[in-house]
Amino acid sequence: MLNSPSINELMQQADSKYTLVIVAAKRARAAITANPALAATPGVNPVSEALKEIAAGELSWHKAEAPVVEEDAAEEVAAEIEAAEEVEEDACDE
């Protein structure tokens, strides 16, 4: 169980718990990729280490802006999904 850093300390560095989870997971994965032996080292948890780095302000990140989807594109995608569902239903009927 993670006692330190506390969730309150971590939330001072991020805008949401979701952000904390994503950043910590990506940092832990990067640490393991750089040093595969880290995953097998007893007493060392890469996720806990990543959370400690976040709490200490040692990691920085930025959020990508969500892409803007125009109405025409959204309608086109919806039509493609509907057509694929119809094909799937036809295949099940055969």
Foldseek 3Di string as FASTA:
>chain_A
DDDPPDVVLLCVQDVDVVVLVVQLVVQLVVVCVVPVCQVVDPPHDSSSVSSNCSSVVVDDDDDDDDDDDDPVNVVVVVVVVVVVVVVVVVVVVD
